[in-house]
Amino acid sequence: MTKQHDEQMEKEIVELGLTAPRVTLDSIKALMAKVEYKVHVVEGTTTTHAVALLDGFSLAIGMSACVDPANFNEELGRKYSIIDAEEKAQKKLWELEGYRLKFSKS
């Protein structure tokens, strides 16, 4: 989901007064604030990878690439690979935190 969808969903949940234990947008945002990104340009290519890490745990890998080397811009590659990794990391955190909550009750 996009950040806009996450915010809309959170708003609707709050408006409906759904109070059972759940993963909240605020808890995901707090975790995302601690995520670090390690970026690597693959030598000899137009591909840039970004790894999203939380306390050393790899959450996601983002990628950016262009077809023609004449269009390659390392700054843009870094920017968009991080955006891709960030979106994937946030989605993964929803899954992992939901799993943790579900089975922490057992």
N, C-alpha and C. Protein backbone atom coordinates (compact mmCIF):
# COMPACT_ATOMS: atom_id res chain seq x y z
N MET A 1 0.84 -1.19 0.00
CA MET A 1 0.00 0.00 0.00
C MET A 1 0.88 1.24 0.00
N THR A 2 0.32 2.32 -0.48
CA THR A 2 1.05 3.57 -0.45
C THR A 2 0.83 4.25 0.90
N LYS A 3 1.67 5.24 1.17
CA LYS A 3 1.52 5.98 2.43
C LYS A 3 0.12 6.59 2.54
N GLN A 4 -0.41 7.06 1.41
CA GLN A 4 -1.75 7.65 1.42
C GLN A 4 -2.79 6.61 1.82
N HIS A 5 -2.67 5.39 1.29
CA HIS A 5 -3.62 4.33 1.65
C HIS A 5 -3.48 3.96 3.11
N ASP A 6 -2.23 3.87 3.59
CA ASP A 6 -2.01 3.54 5.00
C ASP A 6 -2.66 4.58 5.91
N GLU A 7 -2.51 5.84 5.56
CA GLU A 7 -3.09 6.91 6.38
C GLU A 7 -4.62 6.88 6.32
N GLN A 8 -5.18 6.60 5.15
CA GLN A 8 -6.64 6.51 5.01
C GLN A 8 -7.18 5.34 5.83
N MET A 9 -6.49 4.20 5.75
CA MET A 9 -6.93 3.02 6.49
C MET A 9 -6.87 3.30 8.00
N GLU A 10 -5.80 3.90 8.46
CA GLU A 10 -5.67 4.22 9.88
C GLU A 10 -6.81 5.14 10.32
N LYS A 11 -7.12 6.14 9.51
CA LYS A 11 -8.21 7.07 9.84
C LYS A 11 -9.54 6.33 9.97
N GLU A 12 -9.82 5.44 9.04
CA GLU A 12 -11.08 4.71 9.08
C GLU A 12 -11.15 3.77 10.28
N ILE A 13 -10.06 3.13 10.62
CA ILE A 13 -10.03 2.24 11.78
C ILE A 13 -10.32 3.03 13.06
N VAL A 14 -9.68 4.18 13.19
CA VAL A 14 -9.88 5.02 14.37
C VAL A 14 -11.33 5.52 14.43
N GLU A 15 -11.85 5.97 13.29
CA GLU A 15 -13.23 6.47 13.25
C GLU A 15 -14.24 5.39 13.64
N LEU A 16 -13.95 4.15 13.30
CA LEU A 16 -14.85 3.04 13.63
C LEU A 16 -14.67 2.54 15.06
N GLY A 17 -13.66 3.06 15.74
CA GLY A 17 -13.43 2.68 17.13
C GLY A 17 -12.95 1.24 17.29
N LEU A 18 -12.25 0.73 16.30
CA LEU A 18 -11.74 -0.64 16.37
C LEU A 18 -10.54 -0.65 17.31
N THR A 19 -10.71 -1.28 18.46
CA THR A 19 -9.73 -1.15 19.54
C THR A 19 -8.97 -2.42 19.89
N ALA A 20 -9.21 -3.51 19.17
CA ALA A 20 -8.47 -4.74 19.46
C ALA A 20 -6.98 -4.50 19.18
N PRO A 21 -6.12 -5.29 19.81
CA PRO A 21 -4.69 -5.12 19.54
C PRO A 21 -4.40 -5.20 18.04
N ARG A 22 -3.57 -4.29 17.57
CA ARG A 22 -3.24 -4.25 16.15
C ARG A 22 -1.94 -3.50 15.95
N VAL A 23 -1.38 -3.68 14.78
CA VAL A 23 -0.22 -2.90 14.39
C VAL A 23 -0.74 -1.55 13.93
N THR A 24 -0.13 -0.49 14.41
CA THR A 24 -0.60 0.85 14.05
C THR A 24 0.35 1.52 13.06
N LEU A 25 -0.18 2.48 12.36
CA LEU A 25 0.64 3.26 11.45
C LEU A 25 1.76 3.96 12.20
N ASP A 26 1.46 4.45 13.40
CA ASP A 26 2.50 5.12 14.20
C ASP A 26 3.63 4.18 14.55
N SER A 27 3.31 2.91 14.86
CA SER A 27 4.38 1.97 15.20
C SER A 27 5.23 1.65 13.97
N ILE A 28 4.62 1.57 12.81
CA ILE A 28 5.37 1.33 11.57
C ILE A 28 6.23 2.55 11.24
N LYS A 29 5.68 3.74 11.40
CA LYS A 29 6.46 4.96 11.16
C LYS A 29 7.66 5.04 12.09
N ALA A 30 7.48 4.66 13.35
CA ALA A 30 8.59 4.69 14.31
C ALA A 30 9.70 3.72 13.89
N LEU A 31 9.32 2.55 13.42
CA LEU A 31 10.32 1.60 12.93
C LEU A 31 10.99 2.11 11.66
N MET A 32 10.20 2.66 10.76
CA MET A 32 10.76 3.17 9.50
C MET A 32 11.75 4.31 9.73
N ALA A 33 11.55 5.05 10.80
CA ALA A 33 12.48 6.15 11.12
C ALA A 33 13.86 5.62 11.47
N LYS A 34 13.95 4.34 11.85
CA LYS A 34 15.24 3.75 12.21
C LYS A 34 15.88 2.96 11.06
N VAL A 35 15.20 2.88 9.94
CA VAL A 35 15.72 2.11 8.80
C VAL A 35 16.87 2.88 8.15
N GLU A 36 17.93 2.14 7.84
CA GLU A 36 19.08 2.70 7.14
C GLU A 36 19.11 2.13 5.72
N TYR A 37 19.69 2.88 4.81
CA TYR A 37 19.77 2.43 3.42
C TYR A 37 21.24 2.40 3.00
N LYS A 38 21.65 1.27 2.47
CA LYS A 38 22.98 1.10 1.91
C LYS A 38 22.81 1.00 0.40
N VAL A 39 23.47 1.90 -0.33
CA VAL A 39 23.28 1.98 -1.78
C VAL A 39 24.55 1.54 -2.49
N HIS A 40 24.35 0.81 -3.58
CA HIS A 40 25.47 0.30 -4.36
C HIS A 40 25.13 0.41 -5.84
N VAL A 41 26.04 1.03 -6.60
CA VAL A 41 25.90 1.06 -8.06
C VAL A 41 26.65 -0.15 -8.58
N VAL A 42 25.96 -0.99 -9.32
CA VAL A 42 26.58 -2.20 -9.86
C VAL A 42 27.55 -1.79 -10.96
N GLU A 43 28.82 -2.06 -10.73
CA GLU A 43 29.87 -1.63 -11.64
C GLU A 43 29.64 -2.14 -13.06
N GLY A 44 29.83 -1.25 -14.03
CA GLY A 44 29.68 -1.62 -15.43
C GLY A 44 28.25 -1.69 -15.91
N THR A 45 27.29 -1.25 -15.07
CA THR A 45 25.88 -1.29 -15.46
C THR A 45 25.23 0.05 -15.18
N THR A 46 23.95 0.12 -15.46
CA THR A 46 23.16 1.31 -15.12
C THR A 46 22.20 0.97 -13.99
N THR A 47 22.58 -0.01 -13.17
CA THR A 47 21.72 -0.51 -12.10
C THR A 47 22.21 -0.03 -10.74
N THR A 48 21.27 0.42 -9.93
CA THR A 48 21.56 0.85 -8.58
C THR A 48 20.68 0.06 -7.63
N HIS A 49 21.27 -0.49 -6.58
CA HIS A 49 20.53 -1.23 -5.56
C HIS A 49 20.58 -0.47 -4.25
N ALA A 50 19.51 -0.54 -3.49
CA ALA A 50 19.48 0.01 -2.13
C ALA A 50 18.94 -1.08 -1.21
N VAL A 51 19.65 -1.33 -0.14
CA VAL A 51 19.20 -2.31 0.85
C VAL A 51 18.66 -1.54 2.05
N ALA A 52 17.45 -1.87 2.47
CA ALA A 52 16.83 -1.26 3.65
C ALA A 52 17.14 -2.16 4.84
N LEU A 53 17.80 -1.60 5.85
CA LEU A 53 18.22 -2.36 7.02
C LEU A 53 17.62 -1.77 8.28
N LEU A 54 17.15 -2.64 9.17
CA LEU A 54 16.67 -2.23 10.49
C LEU A 54 17.50 -2.98 11.51
N ASP A 55 18.33 -2.26 12.22
CA ASP A 55 19.23 -2.87 13.21
C ASP A 55 20.03 -4.02 12.60
N GLY A 56 20.49 -3.84 11.35
CA GLY A 56 21.29 -4.84 10.69
C GLY A 56 20.51 -5.94 9.99
N PHE A 57 19.19 -5.96 10.16
CA PHE A 57 18.34 -6.96 9.52
C PHE A 57 17.89 -6.43 8.16
N SER A 58 18.13 -7.18 7.11
CA SER A 58 17.75 -6.77 5.77
C SER A 58 16.24 -6.93 5.57
N LEU A 59 15.56 -5.82 5.36
CA LEU A 59 14.11 -5.83 5.15
C LEU A 59 13.74 -5.94 3.68
N ALA A 60 14.48 -5.22 2.83
CA ALA A 60 14.09 -5.14 1.43
C ALA A 60 15.24 -4.64 0.58
N ILE A 61 15.15 -4.94 -0.70
CA ILE A 61 16.11 -4.43 -1.67
C ILE A 61 15.33 -3.67 -2.73
N GLY A 62 15.75 -2.45 -2.96
CA GLY A 62 15.14 -1.63 -4.00
C GLY A 62 16.10 -1.54 -5.17
N MET A 63 15.57 -1.23 -6.34
CA MET A 63 16.40 -1.15 -7.52
C MET A 63 15.94 -0.04 -8.43
N SER A 64 16.89 0.51 -9.13
CA SER A 64 16.61 1.48 -10.16
C SER A 64 17.59 1.20 -11.29
N ALA A 65 17.15 1.35 -12.52
CA ALA A 65 18.03 1.12 -13.66
C ALA A 65 17.48 1.85 -14.88
N CYS A 66 18.36 2.09 -15.82
CA CYS A 66 17.93 2.64 -17.10
C CYS A 66 18.50 1.76 -18.20
N VAL A 67 17.91 1.81 -19.36
CA VAL A 67 18.31 0.95 -20.47
C VAL A 67 19.58 1.47 -21.13
N ASP A 68 19.63 2.76 -21.38
CA ASP A 68 20.74 3.35 -22.12
C ASP A 68 21.69 4.05 -21.17
N PRO A 69 22.97 3.70 -21.19
CA PRO A 69 23.94 4.35 -20.30
C PRO A 69 23.98 5.87 -20.45
N ALA A 70 23.56 6.39 -21.60
CA ALA A 70 23.53 7.85 -21.79
C ALA A 70 22.52 8.51 -20.85
N ASN A 71 21.56 7.74 -20.36
CA ASN A 71 20.55 8.27 -19.44
C ASN A 71 20.89 8.03 -17.99
N PHE A 72 21.99 7.35 -17.71
CA PHE A 72 22.32 7.01 -16.33
C PHE A 72 22.72 8.25 -15.54
N ASN A 73 22.13 8.38 -14.38
CA ASN A 73 22.45 9.46 -13.45
C ASN A 73 22.51 8.83 -12.07
N GLU A 74 23.70 8.79 -11.48
CA GLU A 74 23.87 8.09 -10.21
C GLU A 74 22.98 8.69 -9.11
N GLU A 75 22.85 9.99 -9.06
CA GLU A 75 22.02 10.62 -8.04
C GLU A 75 20.56 10.16 -8.14
N LEU A 76 20.03 10.13 -9.37
CA LEU A 76 18.65 9.65 -9.56
C LEU A 76 18.55 8.17 -9.25
N GLY A 77 19.56 7.39 -9.63
CA GLY A 77 19.55 5.97 -9.33
C GLY A 77 19.50 5.72 -7.84
N ARG A 78 20.30 6.46 -7.08
CA ARG A 78 20.28 6.33 -5.62
C ARG A 78 18.91 6.72 -5.06
N LYS A 79 18.40 7.85 -5.52
CA LYS A 79 17.12 8.36 -5.02
C LYS A 79 16.00 7.35 -5.23
N TYR A 80 15.88 6.83 -6.46
CA TYR A 80 14.75 5.96 -6.76
C TYR A 80 14.93 4.54 -6.28
N SER A 81 16.16 4.09 -6.11
CA SER A 81 16.35 2.77 -5.51
C SER A 81 16.01 2.82 -4.03
N ILE A 82 16.30 3.94 -3.37
CA ILE A 82 15.93 4.10 -1.96
C ILE A 82 14.40 4.17 -1.82
N ILE A 83 13.75 4.91 -2.69
CA ILE A 83 12.28 4.98 -2.64
C ILE A 83 11.68 3.59 -2.81
N ASP A 84 12.20 2.81 -3.76
CA ASP A 84 11.71 1.45 -3.99
C ASP A 84 11.94 0.59 -2.75
N ALA A 85 13.14 0.67 -2.17
CA ALA A 85 13.45 -0.11 -0.96
C ALA A 85 12.58 0.32 0.21
N GLU A 86 12.34 1.61 0.34
CA GLU A 86 11.52 2.13 1.44
C GLU A 86 10.09 1.58 1.36
N GLU A 87 9.50 1.61 0.17
CA GLU A 87 8.14 1.10 0.01
C GLU A 87 8.07 -0.39 0.34
N LYS A 88 9.04 -1.14 -0.14
CA LYS A 88 9.07 -2.58 0.13
C LYS A 88 9.32 -2.86 1.61
N ALA A 89 10.20 -2.07 2.24
CA ALA A 89 10.50 -2.27 3.66
C ALA A 89 9.27 -1.99 4.52
N GLN A 90 8.54 -0.94 4.19
CA GLN A 90 7.34 -0.62 4.97
C GLN A 90 6.31 -1.74 4.84
N LYS A 91 6.14 -2.26 3.65
CA LYS A 91 5.20 -3.37 3.45
C LYS A 91 5.65 -4.59 4.25
N LYS A 92 6.95 -4.87 4.24
CA LYS A 92 7.48 -6.02 4.98
C LYS A 92 7.29 -5.82 6.48
N LEU A 93 7.46 -4.60 6.97
CA LEU A 93 7.26 -4.35 8.41
C LEU A 93 5.81 -4.60 8.83
N TRP A 94 4.85 -4.23 7.99
CA TRP A 94 3.45 -4.53 8.30
C TRP A 94 3.28 -6.03 8.49
N GLU A 95 3.87 -6.81 7.58
CA GLU A 95 3.77 -8.27 7.67
C GLU A 95 4.45 -8.81 8.91
N LEU A 96 5.68 -8.39 9.13
CA LEU A 96 6.45 -8.91 10.26
C LEU A 96 5.84 -8.51 11.60
N GLU A 97 5.41 -7.28 11.71
CA GLU A 97 4.82 -6.81 12.96
C GLU A 97 3.46 -7.48 13.21
N GLY A 98 2.70 -7.71 12.14
CA GLY A 98 1.44 -8.44 12.28
C GLY A 98 1.68 -9.86 12.75
N TYR A 99 2.66 -10.51 12.19
CA TYR A 99 3.03 -11.87 12.60
C TYR A 99 3.46 -11.89 14.06
N ARG A 100 4.31 -10.93 14.43
CA ARG A 100 4.79 -10.85 15.81
C ARG A 100 3.63 -10.66 16.79
N LEU A 101 2.71 -9.78 16.47
CA LEU A 101 1.56 -9.52 17.33
C LEU A 101 0.67 -10.75 17.43
N LYS A 102 0.41 -11.37 16.31
CA LYS A 102 -0.47 -12.55 16.29
C LYS A 102 0.07 -13.66 17.18
N PHE A 103 1.36 -13.92 17.11
CA PHE A 103 1.90 -15.07 17.82
C PHE A 103 2.53 -14.72 19.17
N SER A 104 2.55 -13.45 19.51
CA SER A 104 3.03 -13.08 20.85
C SER A 104 1.97 -13.36 21.91
N LYS A 105 0.73 -13.55 21.49
CA LYS A 105 -0.37 -13.86 22.42
C LYS A 105 -0.37 -15.32 22.83
N SER A 106 0.26 -16.17 22.04
CA SER A 106 0.23 -17.62 22.28
C SER A 106 1.01 -18.01 23.52
